[in-house]
Amino acid sequence: MALLIFLLIYFFLVFFLRSFLLWKKTGINPLTFKNGDDAHGFNGKVFSSISILELIIISIYAFSNNWREYLLPLWYLENPILHKIGWVMLFLSLLIVWVAQSQMANSWRIGIDEENKTELVTNGLFKYSRNPIFLGIMVANIGLFLILPNAFTMLIVALSTISINTQIRLEEEHLEKTHSDIYIQYKNKVRRWI
């Protein structure tokens, strides 16, 4: 049950509350994924599916012991030390994502905003990683896998790795068009992950 509560708080803080605060301050909706059939729209659907899958898996663990076996648990990874490491990773992820979103301020978006030009953020965590928010999300997904090692949380790690890497490349293309030389210099100085 603690994991479900944590995930709901996590989603509330980094997606709902952050989006609401930005919208309230600027009047801009930071949720930019469209329902289109292009790579960006498809990736938005994949992100949503991963989030729903996480909620389903954690709800099964919270409310239905009988269904846990259908998630194909990896019993040999069920270890108290890995469990604790997983929790540390979840809290670390929340901290990384919240700080990075704060540092992006009005430039933060979920997806690519083609309508509103945003400032290129290169300070704070962005001095060390071009994608600290995605890095934080990957840390959370691996932490979830360590807490609930099963085939479906492993699938979440695999799908999110592919989806996030795809999104990063789409965003890099957009940032290069939008900020040209400034972004290219930043890209040459700061690594994609860390």
C-alpha atoms as a PDB file:
ATOM      1  CA  MET A   1       0.000   0.000   0.000  1.00  0.00           C
ATOM      2  CA  ALA A   2       2.906   2.379   0.752  1.00  0.00           C
ATOM      3  CA  LEU A   3       4.159   2.004  -2.811  1.00  0.00           C
ATOM      4  CA  LEU A   4       0.753   2.875  -4.270  1.00  0.00           C
ATOM      5  CA  ILE A   5       0.513   5.971  -2.059  1.00  0.00           C
ATOM      6  CA  PHE A   6       4.053   7.002  -3.036  1.00  0.00           C
ATOM      7  CA  LEU A   7       3.317   6.558  -6.764  1.00  0.00           C
ATOM      8  CA  LEU A   8       0.120   8.621  -6.488  1.00  0.00           C
ATOM      9  CA  ILE A   9       2.021  11.388  -4.658  1.00  0.00           C
ATOM     10  CA  TYR A  10       4.825  11.178  -7.255  1.00  0.00           C
ATOM     11  CA  PHE A  11       2.387  11.496 -10.183  1.00  0.00           C
ATOM     12  CA  PHE A  12       0.508  14.285  -8.417  1.00  0.00           C
ATOM     13  CA  LEU A  13       3.654  16.325  -7.712  1.00  0.00           C
ATOM     14  CA  VAL A  14       5.628  15.909 -10.927  1.00  0.00           C
ATOM     15  CA  PHE A  15       2.815  15.758 -13.454  1.00  0.00           C
ATOM     16  CA  PHE A  16      -0.439  17.252 -12.150  1.00  0.00           C
ATOM     17  CA  LEU A  17       0.730  19.899  -9.657  1.00  0.00           C
ATOM     18  CA  ARG A  18       3.711  21.002 -11.746  1.00  0.00           C
ATOM     19  CA  SER A  19       1.474  21.263 -14.855  1.00  0.00           C
ATOM     20  CA  PHE A  20      -1.204  23.163 -12.947  1.00  0.00           C
ATOM     21  CA  LEU A  21       1.284  25.644 -11.465  1.00  0.00           C
ATOM     22  CA  LEU A  22       2.864  26.335 -14.862  1.00  0.00           C
ATOM     23  CA  TRP A  23      -0.543  26.758 -16.519  1.00  0.00           C
ATOM     24  CA  LYS A  24      -1.700  29.075 -13.714  1.00  0.00           C
ATOM     25  CA  LYS A  25       1.466  31.192 -13.993  1.00  0.00           C
ATOM     26  CA  THR A  26       1.773  31.395 -17.801  1.00  0.00           C
ATOM     27  CA  GLY A  27      -1.580  30.326 -19.237  1.00  0.00           C
ATOM     28  CA  ILE A  28       0.289  27.686 -21.263  1.00  0.00           C
ATOM     29  CA  ASN A  29      -0.678  24.029 -21.083  1.00  0.00           C
ATOM     30  CA  PRO A  30       2.616  22.132 -20.592  1.00  0.00           C
ATOM     31  CA  LEU A  31       1.064  18.862 -21.831  1.00  0.00           C
ATOM     32  CA  THR A  32       2.055  19.011 -25.492  1.00  0.00           C
ATOM     33  CA  PHE A  33       1.540  15.451 -26.708  1.00  0.00           C
ATOM     34  CA  LYS A  34      -1.045  15.400 -29.485  1.00  0.00           C
ATOM     35  CA  ASN A  35      -3.128  12.444 -30.637  1.00  0.00           C
ATOM     36  CA  GLY A  36      -1.329  12.457 -33.983  1.00  0.00           C
ATOM     37  CA  ASP A  37       0.184   9.437 -35.634  1.00  0.00           C
ATOM     38  CA  ASP A  38       3.692  10.904 -35.784  1.00  0.00           C
ATOM     39  CA  ALA A  39       6.542   9.737 -33.535  1.00  0.00           C
ATOM     40  CA  HIS A  40       5.829  12.418 -30.922  1.00  0.00           C
ATOM     41  CA  GLY A  41       2.123  11.539 -30.670  1.00  0.00           C
ATOM     42  CA  PHE A  42       2.878   7.814 -30.570  1.00  0.00           C
ATOM     43  CA  ASN A  43       5.447   8.330 -27.827  1.00  0.00           C
ATOM     44  CA  GLY A  44       2.871  10.238 -25.779  1.00  0.00           C
ATOM     45  CA  LYS A  45       0.587   7.196 -25.984  1.00  0.00           C
ATOM     46  CA  VAL A  46       3.459   4.924 -24.905  1.00  0.00           C
ATOM     47  CA  PHE A  47       4.198   7.185 -21.881  1.00  0.00           C
ATOM     48  CA  SER A  48       0.517   7.076 -20.883  1.00  0.00           C
ATOM     49  CA  SER A  49       0.400   3.286 -21.277  1.00  0.00           C
ATOM     50  CA  ILE A  50       3.494   2.859 -19.096  1.00  0.00           C
ATOM     51  CA  SER A  51       1.937   5.026 -16.354  1.00  0.00           C
ATOM     52  CA  ILE A  52      -1.321   3.042 -16.465  1.00  0.00           C
ATOM     53  CA  LEU A  53       0.623  -0.245 -16.379  1.00  0.00           C
ATOM     54  CA  GLU A  54       2.539   0.974 -13.307  1.00  0.00           C
ATOM     55  CA  LEU A  55      -0.699   1.850 -11.526  1.00  0.00           C
ATOM     56  CA  ILE A  56      -2.228  -1.542 -12.361  1.00  0.00           C
ATOM     57  CA  ILE A  57       0.828  -3.485 -11.168  1.00  0.00           C
ATOM     58  CA  ILE A  58       1.135  -1.544  -7.923  1.00  0.00           C
ATOM     59  CA  SER A  59      -2.620  -1.844  -7.302  1.00  0.00           C
ATOM     60  CA  ILE A  60      -2.379  -5.624  -7.719  1.00  0.00           C
ATOM     61  CA  TYR A  61       0.405  -5.715  -5.123  1.00  0.00           C
ATOM     62  CA  ALA A  62      -1.584  -3.436  -2.814  1.00  0.00           C
ATOM     63  CA  PHE A  63      -4.994  -5.114  -3.063  1.00  0.00           C
ATOM     64  CA  SER A  64      -4.835  -8.594  -4.581  1.00  0.00           C
ATOM     65  CA  ASN A  65      -2.357 -11.172  -3.298  1.00  0.00           C
ATOM     66  CA  ASN A  66      -3.973 -13.843  -5.493  1.00  0.00           C
ATOM     67  CA  TRP A  67      -3.072 -12.024  -8.715  1.00  0.00           C
ATOM     68  CA  ARG A  68       0.617 -11.422  -7.918  1.00  0.00           C
ATOM     69  CA  GLU A  69       1.670 -14.749  -9.416  1.00  0.00           C
ATOM     70  CA  TYR A  70       0.270 -13.636 -12.804  1.00  0.00           C
ATOM     71  CA  LEU A  71       2.822 -10.831 -12.861  1.00  0.00           C
ATOM     72  CA  LEU A  72       5.530 -13.526 -13.094  1.00  0.00           C
ATOM     73  CA  PRO A  73       7.595 -12.544 -10.040  1.00  0.00           C
ATOM     74  CA  LEU A  74      11.356 -12.940 -10.238  1.00  0.00           C
ATOM     75  CA  TRP A  75      11.635 -14.497  -6.771  1.00  0.00           C
ATOM     76  CA  TYR A  76      15.445 -14.732  -6.930  1.00  0.00           C
ATOM     77  CA  LEU A  77      15.593 -10.900  -6.946  1.00  0.00           C
ATOM     78  CA  GLU A  78      13.278 -10.520  -3.963  1.00  0.00           C
ATOM     79  CA  ASN A  79      15.835  -9.349  -1.463  1.00  0.00           C
ATOM     80  CA  PRO A  80      15.492  -6.870   1.446  1.00  0.00           C
ATOM     81  CA  ILE A  81      18.659  -5.005   0.418  1.00  0.00           C
ATOM     82  CA  LEU A  82      17.472  -4.586  -3.192  1.00  0.00           C
ATOM     83  CA  HIS A  83      14.085  -3.551  -1.823  1.00  0.00           C
ATOM     84  CA  LYS A  84      15.692  -0.773   0.259  1.00  0.00           C
ATOM     85  CA  ILE A  85      17.853   0.332  -2.688  1.00  0.00           C
ATOM     86  CA  GLY A  86      14.666   0.518  -4.761  1.00  0.00           C
ATOM     87  CA  TRP A  87      13.001   2.821  -2.209  1.00  0.00           C
ATOM     88  CA  VAL A  88      16.097   5.051  -2.072  1.00  0.00           C
ATOM     89  CA  MET A  89      15.991   5.264  -5.874  1.00  0.00           C
ATOM     90  CA  LEU A  90      12.302   6.260  -5.821  1.00  0.00           C
ATOM     91  CA  PHE A  91      12.924   9.095  -3.356  1.00  0.00           C
ATOM     92  CA  LEU A  92      16.068  10.165  -5.236  1.00  0.00           C
ATOM     93  CA  SER A  93      14.070  10.177  -8.472  1.00  0.00           C
ATOM     94  CA  LEU A  94      11.375  12.402  -6.988  1.00  0.00           C
ATOM     95  CA  LEU A  95      14.042  14.825  -5.781  1.00  0.00           C
ATOM     96  CA  ILE A  96      15.880  14.893  -9.146  1.00  0.00           C
ATOM     97  CA  VAL A  97      12.702  15.375 -11.178  1.00  0.00           C
ATOM     98  CA  TRP A  98      11.252  18.067  -8.877  1.00  0.00           C
ATOM     99  CA  VAL A  99      14.522  20.052  -8.759  1.00  0.00           C
ATOM    100  CA  ALA A 100      15.047  19.793 -12.537  1.00  0.00           C
ATOM    101  CA  GLN A 101      11.463  20.893 -13.203  1.00  0.00           C
ATOM    102  CA  SER A 102      11.969  23.843 -10.831  1.00  0.00           C
ATOM    103  CA  GLN A 103      15.155  24.810 -12.647  1.00  0.00           C
ATOM    104  CA  MET A 104      13.360  24.668 -16.007  1.00  0.00           C
ATOM    105  CA  ALA A 105      10.681  27.010 -14.593  1.00  0.00           C
ATOM    106  CA  ASN A 106       8.495  28.293 -17.455  1.00  0.00           C
ATOM    107  CA  SER A 107      10.388  26.204 -20.033  1.00  0.00           C
ATOM    108  CA  TRP A 108       9.206  22.880 -18.600  1.00  0.00           C
ATOM    109  CA  ARG A 109       6.935  20.845 -20.864  1.00  0.00           C
ATOM    110  CA  ILE A 110       5.723  17.278 -21.194  1.00  0.00           C
ATOM    111  CA  GLY A 111       6.608  16.666 -24.815  1.00  0.00           C
ATOM    112  CA  ILE A 112       7.598  19.146 -27.526  1.00  0.00           C
ATOM    113  CA  ASP A 113       5.952  22.567 -27.583  1.00  0.00           C
ATOM    114  CA  GLU A 114       5.951  23.737 -31.201  1.00  0.00           C
ATOM    115  CA  GLU A 115       3.705  26.732 -30.482  1.00  0.00           C
ATOM    116  CA  ASN A 116       5.607  28.524 -27.699  1.00  0.00           C
ATOM    117  CA  LYS A 117       9.344  29.140 -27.828  1.00  0.00           C
ATOM    118  CA  THR A 118      10.989  28.227 -24.529  1.00  0.00           C
ATOM    119  CA  GLU A 119      14.270  29.329 -23.061  1.00  0.00           C
ATOM    120  CA  LEU A 120      17.155  26.849 -23.192  1.00  0.00           C
ATOM    121  CA  VAL A 121      18.015  25.866 -19.616  1.00  0.00           C
ATOM    122  CA  THR A 122      21.679  25.001 -19.053  1.00  0.00           C
ATOM    123  CA  ASN A 123      22.186  25.697 -15.344  1.00  0.00           C
ATOM    124  CA  GLY A 124      21.655  23.637 -12.183  1.00  0.00           C
ATOM    125  CA  LEU A 125      21.277  19.920 -12.890  1.00  0.00           C
ATOM    126  CA  PHE A 126      21.366  20.744 -16.607  1.00  0.00           C
ATOM    127  CA  LYS A 127      25.083  21.520 -16.258  1.00  0.00           C
ATOM    128  CA  TYR A 128      25.650  17.806 -15.666  1.00  0.00           C
ATOM    129  CA  SER A 129      22.914  16.177 -17.745  1.00  0.00           C
ATOM    130  CA  ARG A 130      20.955  17.399 -20.740  1.00  0.00           C
ATOM    131  CA  ASN A 131      18.032  15.269 -19.535  1.00  0.00           C
ATOM    132  CA  PRO A 132      17.884  15.173 -15.722  1.00  0.00           C
ATOM    133  CA  ILE A 133      14.096  14.726 -15.702  1.00  0.00           C
ATOM    134  CA  PHE A 134      14.278  11.663 -17.942  1.00  0.00           C
ATOM    135  CA  LEU A 135      17.232  10.435 -15.892  1.00  0.00           C
ATOM    136  CA  GLY A 136      15.098  10.772 -12.760  1.00  0.00           C
ATOM    137  CA  ILE A 137      12.223   8.873 -14.373  1.00  0.00           C
ATOM    138  CA  MET A 138      14.584   6.037 -15.363  1.00  0.00           C
ATOM    139  CA  VAL A 139      15.903   5.925 -11.784  1.00  0.00           C
ATOM    140  CA  ALA A 140      12.279   5.598 -10.579  1.00  0.00           C
ATOM    141  CA  ASN A 141      11.505   2.772 -13.011  1.00  0.00           C
ATOM    142  CA  ILE A 142      14.590   0.804 -11.968  1.00  0.00           C
ATOM    143  CA  GLY A 143      13.727   1.458  -8.307  1.00  0.00           C
ATOM    144  CA  LEU A 144      10.216   0.116  -8.908  1.00  0.00           C
ATOM    145  CA  PHE A 145      11.704  -3.001 -10.507  1.00  0.00           C
ATOM    146  CA  LEU A 146      13.950  -3.577  -7.476  1.00  0.00           C
ATOM    147  CA  ILE A 147      10.980  -3.259  -5.110  1.00  0.00           C
ATOM    148  CA  LEU A 148       8.659  -5.419  -7.252  1.00  0.00           C
ATOM    149  CA  PRO A 149      10.874  -7.629  -9.396  1.00  0.00           C
ATOM    150  CA  ASN A 150       8.575  -9.245 -11.941  1.00  0.00           C
ATOM    151  CA  ALA A 151       8.207  -9.587 -15.690  1.00  0.00           C
ATOM    152  CA  PHE A 152       5.910  -6.558 -15.943  1.00  0.00           C
ATOM    153  CA  THR A 153       8.114  -4.124 -14.036  1.00  0.00           C
ATOM    154  CA  MET A 154      10.986  -5.382 -16.194  1.00  0.00           C
ATOM    155  CA  LEU A 155       8.791  -4.604 -19.226  1.00  0.00           C
ATOM    156  CA  ILE A 156       8.239  -1.077 -17.852  1.00  0.00           C
ATOM    157  CA  VAL A 157      12.016  -0.545 -17.634  1.00  0.00           C
ATOM    158  CA  ALA A 158      12.468  -1.830 -21.199  1.00  0.00           C
ATOM    159  CA  LEU A 159       9.596   0.175 -22.706  1.00  0.00           C
ATOM    160  CA  SER A 160      10.509   3.364 -20.878  1.00  0.00           C
ATOM    161  CA  THR A 161      14.156   3.029 -21.951  1.00  0.00           C
ATOM    162  CA  ILE A 162      13.115   2.835 -25.607  1.00  0.00           C
ATOM    163  CA  SER A 163      10.430   5.498 -25.308  1.00  0.00           C
ATOM    164  CA  ILE A 164      12.567   7.978 -23.376  1.00  0.00           C
ATOM    165  CA  ASN A 165      15.499   7.566 -25.750  1.00  0.00           C
ATOM    166  CA  THR A 166      13.146   8.167 -28.683  1.00  0.00           C
ATOM    167  CA  GLN A 167      11.688  11.260 -27.002  1.00  0.00           C
ATOM    168  CA  ILE A 168      15.149  12.624 -26.226  1.00  0.00           C
ATOM    169  CA  ARG A 169      16.147  12.389 -29.883  1.00  0.00           C
ATOM    170  CA  LEU A 170      12.925  14.102 -30.979  1.00  0.00           C
ATOM    171  CA  GLU A 171      13.493  16.870 -28.446  1.00  0.00           C
ATOM    172  CA  GLU A 172      17.142  17.270 -29.479  1.00  0.00           C
ATOM    173  CA  GLU A 173      16.032  17.749 -33.080  1.00  0.00           C
ATOM    174  CA  HIS A 174      13.505  20.378 -31.983  1.00  0.00           C
ATOM    175  CA  LEU A 175      15.991  22.194 -29.724  1.00  0.00           C
ATOM    176  CA  GLU A 176      18.575  22.272 -32.500  1.00  0.00           C
ATOM    177  CA  LYS A 177      16.036  23.904 -34.833  1.00  0.00           C
ATOM    178  CA  THR A 178      14.861  26.326 -32.141  1.00  0.00           C
ATOM    179  CA  HIS A 179      18.167  27.333 -30.521  1.00  0.00           C
ATOM    180  CA  SER A 180      20.622  26.348 -33.303  1.00  0.00           C
ATOM    181  CA  ASP A 181      24.265  27.111 -32.393  1.00  0.00           C
ATOM    182  CA  ILE A 182      23.600  27.744 -28.693  1.00  0.00           C
ATOM    183  CA  TYR A 183      22.066  24.283 -28.341  1.00  0.00           C
ATOM    184  CA  ILE A 184      24.803  22.624 -30.431  1.00  0.00           C
ATOM    185  CA  GLN A 185      27.474  24.157 -28.151  1.00  0.00           C
ATOM    186  CA  TYR A 186      25.560  22.998 -25.083  1.00  0.00           C
ATOM    187  CA  LYS A 187      25.119  19.537 -26.601  1.00  0.00           C
ATOM    188  CA  ASN A 188      28.863  19.283 -27.255  1.00  0.00           C
ATOM    189  CA  LYS A 189      29.660  20.316 -23.671  1.00  0.00           C
ATOM    190  CA  VAL A 190      27.082  18.344 -21.634  1.00  0.00           C
ATOM    191  CA  ARG A 191      26.343  14.634 -22.002  1.00  0.00           C
ATOM    192  CA  ARG A 192      22.911  13.293 -22.823  1.00  0.00           C
ATOM    193  CA  TRP A 193      22.557  11.392 -19.533  1.00  0.00           C
ATOM    194  CA  ILE A 194      25.343  12.252 -17.080  1.00  0.00           C
END
